[in-house]
């Protein structure tokens, strides 16, 4: 019996993380990298993602802001989400980016 070689496509997307007005902990950086690496499942043609985490003046929604830019052919997807924790802001941003990817696929 002849076996067909199994090809596993594994490309690591370039994830750049920047923190403004504070020093991000190693735990937060690892959290963001893990979450952003999941985007490869939805946008296999993505070339990279930039994440900017910043503190702003207190706000009703929270003072932690995550700005996520996903670089894909045909135009970048950009979202800015605000929450009480950076983890919440990153999760919300990830959900928005996923929805935008799905909208583009449906077109």
C-alpha atoms as a PDB file:
ATOM      1  CA  UNK A   1       0.000   0.000   0.000  1.00  0.00           C
ATOM      2  CA  UNK A   2       1.418   3.329  -1.067  1.00  0.00           C
ATOM      3  CA  UNK A   3       1.264   6.113   1.507  1.00  0.00           C
ATOM      4  CA  UNK A   4       0.612   9.696   0.580  1.00  0.00           C
ATOM      5  CA  UNK A   5       2.835  12.109   2.479  1.00  0.00           C
ATOM      6  CA  UNK A   6       0.993  14.313   4.915  1.00  0.00           C
ATOM      7  CA  UNK A   7       1.636  17.995   4.447  1.00  0.00           C
ATOM      8  CA  UNK A   8       1.116  20.161   7.456  1.00  0.00           C
ATOM      9  CA  UNK A   9       0.841  23.840   6.725  1.00  0.00           C
ATOM     10  CA  UNK A  10       2.368  25.734   9.610  1.00  0.00           C
ATOM     11  CA  UNK A  11       3.177  29.371   9.185  1.00  0.00           C
ATOM     12  CA  UNK A  12       3.751  31.528  12.134  1.00  0.00           C
ATOM     13  CA  UNK A  13       2.207  34.911  11.817  1.00  0.00           C
ATOM     14  CA  UNK A  14       4.343  37.832  12.924  1.00  0.00           C
ATOM     15  CA  UNK A  15       2.840  39.201  16.159  1.00  0.00           C
ATOM     16  CA  UNK A  16       4.086  42.593  17.323  1.00  0.00           C
ATOM     17  CA  UNK A  17       3.034  43.830  20.756  1.00  0.00           C
ATOM     18  CA  UNK A  18       3.577  47.347  22.026  1.00  0.00           C
ATOM     19  CA  UNK A  19       2.590  48.737  25.418  1.00  0.00           C
ATOM     20  CA  UNK A  20       2.105  52.464  25.903  1.00  0.00           C
ATOM     21  CA  UNK A  21       2.205  54.274  29.247  1.00  0.00           C
ATOM     22  CA  UNK A  22       2.991  51.046  31.165  1.00  0.00           C
ATOM     23  CA  UNK A  23       5.283  48.001  31.140  1.00  0.00           C
ATOM     24  CA  UNK A  24       3.433  44.865  30.062  1.00  0.00           C
ATOM     25  CA  UNK A  25       4.047  41.801  32.206  1.00  0.00           C
ATOM     26  CA  UNK A  26       5.449  38.639  30.666  1.00  0.00           C
ATOM     27  CA  UNK A  27       2.128  36.927  31.467  1.00  0.00           C
ATOM     28  CA  UNK A  28       0.147  39.586  29.563  1.00  0.00           C
ATOM     29  CA  UNK A  29       2.476  39.368  26.546  1.00  0.00           C
ATOM     30  CA  UNK A  30       2.144  35.576  26.459  1.00  0.00           C
ATOM     31  CA  UNK A  31      -1.664  35.884  26.733  1.00  0.00           C
ATOM     32  CA  UNK A  32      -1.782  38.284  23.771  1.00  0.00           C
ATOM     33  CA  UNK A  33       0.561  36.115  21.656  1.00  0.00           C
ATOM     34  CA  UNK A  34      -1.554  33.023  22.342  1.00  0.00           C
ATOM     35  CA  UNK A  35      -4.806  34.798  21.464  1.00  0.00           C
ATOM     36  CA  UNK A  36      -3.446  36.402  18.287  1.00  0.00           C
ATOM     37  CA  UNK A  37      -1.947  33.137  17.054  1.00  0.00           C
ATOM     38  CA  UNK A  38      -5.525  31.797  16.888  1.00  0.00           C
ATOM     39  CA  UNK A  39      -6.260  34.258  14.095  1.00  0.00           C
ATOM     40  CA  UNK A  40      -4.270  32.034  11.708  1.00  0.00           C
ATOM     41  CA  UNK A  41      -7.162  29.565  11.787  1.00  0.00           C
ATOM     42  CA  UNK A  42      -9.529  32.205  10.436  1.00  0.00           C
ATOM     43  CA  UNK A  43      -7.196  34.132   8.128  1.00  0.00           C
ATOM     44  CA  UNK A  44      -4.599  31.747   6.756  1.00  0.00           C
ATOM     45  CA  UNK A  45      -3.341  34.444   4.387  1.00  0.00           C
ATOM     46  CA  UNK A  46      -2.581  36.911   7.204  1.00  0.00           C
ATOM     47  CA  UNK A  47       0.951  38.248   7.172  1.00  0.00           C
ATOM     48  CA  UNK A  48       1.013  39.646  10.684  1.00  0.00           C
ATOM     49  CA  UNK A  49      -0.786  41.368  13.499  1.00  0.00           C
ATOM     50  CA  UNK A  50       0.087  44.474  15.501  1.00  0.00           C
ATOM     51  CA  UNK A  51      -1.280  44.882  19.007  1.00  0.00           C
ATOM     52  CA  UNK A  52      -0.997  48.148  20.899  1.00  0.00           C
ATOM     53  CA  UNK A  53      -1.972  48.069  24.562  1.00  0.00           C
ATOM     54  CA  UNK A  54      -2.377  51.389  26.319  1.00  0.00           C
ATOM     55  CA  UNK A  55      -3.699  52.956  29.484  1.00  0.00           C
ATOM     56  CA  UNK A  56      -6.027  55.907  29.220  1.00  0.00           C
ATOM     57  CA  UNK A  57      -7.767  58.129  31.702  1.00  0.00           C
ATOM     58  CA  UNK A  58     -10.466  56.368  33.654  1.00  0.00           C
ATOM     59  CA  UNK A  59     -13.560  55.724  31.625  1.00  0.00           C
ATOM     60  CA  UNK A  60     -16.924  54.166  32.360  1.00  0.00           C
ATOM     61  CA  UNK A  61     -16.048  51.145  30.178  1.00  0.00           C
ATOM     62  CA  UNK A  62     -12.521  50.885  31.590  1.00  0.00           C
ATOM     63  CA  UNK A  63      -9.144  52.448  30.990  1.00  0.00           C
ATOM     64  CA  UNK A  64      -7.416  49.506  29.273  1.00  0.00           C
ATOM     65  CA  UNK A  65      -7.349  49.776  25.475  1.00  0.00           C
ATOM     66  CA  UNK A  66      -6.325  47.150  22.913  1.00  0.00           C
ATOM     67  CA  UNK A  67      -5.757  48.312  19.340  1.00  0.00           C
ATOM     68  CA  UNK A  68      -5.427  45.341  16.971  1.00  0.00           C
ATOM     69  CA  UNK A  69      -4.391  45.566  13.314  1.00  0.00           C
ATOM     70  CA  UNK A  70      -4.475  42.347  11.275  1.00  0.00           C
ATOM     71  CA  UNK A  71      -2.451  42.571   8.062  1.00  0.00           C
ATOM     72  CA  UNK A  72      -4.053  40.614   5.239  1.00  0.00           C
ATOM     73  CA  UNK A  73      -4.025  40.967   1.459  1.00  0.00           C
ATOM     74  CA  UNK A  74      -6.856  43.209   0.305  1.00  0.00           C
ATOM     75  CA  UNK A  75      -6.644  45.551   3.274  1.00  0.00           C
ATOM     76  CA  UNK A  76      -5.912  45.510   6.970  1.00  0.00           C
ATOM     77  CA  UNK A  77      -8.549  44.892   9.618  1.00  0.00           C
ATOM     78  CA  UNK A  78      -8.377  47.344  12.500  1.00  0.00           C
ATOM     79  CA  UNK A  79     -10.259  47.476  15.793  1.00  0.00           C
ATOM     80  CA  UNK A  80      -9.926  49.304  19.082  1.00  0.00           C
ATOM     81  CA  UNK A  81     -11.577  47.894  22.187  1.00  0.00           C
ATOM     82  CA  UNK A  82     -11.771  49.291  25.718  1.00  0.00           C
ATOM     83  CA  UNK A  83     -12.352  47.273  28.899  1.00  0.00           C
ATOM     84  CA  UNK A  84     -11.539  47.064  32.583  1.00  0.00           C
ATOM     85  CA  UNK A  85      -8.687  44.598  31.953  1.00  0.00           C
ATOM     86  CA  UNK A  86      -6.311  44.146  29.032  1.00  0.00           C
ATOM     87  CA  UNK A  87      -7.371  40.517  28.735  1.00  0.00           C
ATOM     88  CA  UNK A  88     -11.012  41.544  28.240  1.00  0.00           C
ATOM     89  CA  UNK A  89     -10.030  44.198  25.709  1.00  0.00           C
ATOM     90  CA  UNK A  90      -7.903  41.695  23.739  1.00  0.00           C
ATOM     91  CA  UNK A  91     -10.700  39.085  23.792  1.00  0.00           C
ATOM     92  CA  UNK A  92     -13.234  41.631  22.538  1.00  0.00           C
ATOM     93  CA  UNK A  93     -10.844  42.821  19.819  1.00  0.00           C
ATOM     94  CA  UNK A  94     -10.249  39.230  18.721  1.00  0.00           C
ATOM     95  CA  UNK A  95     -14.012  38.653  18.403  1.00  0.00           C
ATOM     96  CA  UNK A  96     -14.414  41.805  16.283  1.00  0.00           C
ATOM     97  CA  UNK A  97     -11.539  40.807  13.982  1.00  0.00           C
ATOM     98  CA  UNK A  98     -12.994  37.310  13.542  1.00  0.00           C
ATOM     99  CA  UNK A  99     -16.364  38.800  12.551  1.00  0.00           C
ATOM    100  CA  UNK A 100     -14.671  41.124  10.051  1.00  0.00           C
ATOM    101  CA  UNK A 101     -12.798  38.176   8.519  1.00  0.00           C
ATOM    102  CA  UNK A 102     -16.087  36.262   8.158  1.00  0.00           C
ATOM    103  CA  UNK A 103     -17.755  39.283   6.527  1.00  0.00           C
ATOM    104  CA  UNK A 104     -14.949  39.471   3.968  1.00  0.00           C
ATOM    105  CA  UNK A 105     -15.188  35.775   3.207  1.00  0.00           C
ATOM    106  CA  UNK A 106     -18.938  36.100   2.603  1.00  0.00           C
ATOM    107  CA  UNK A 107     -18.435  38.818  -0.034  1.00  0.00           C
END
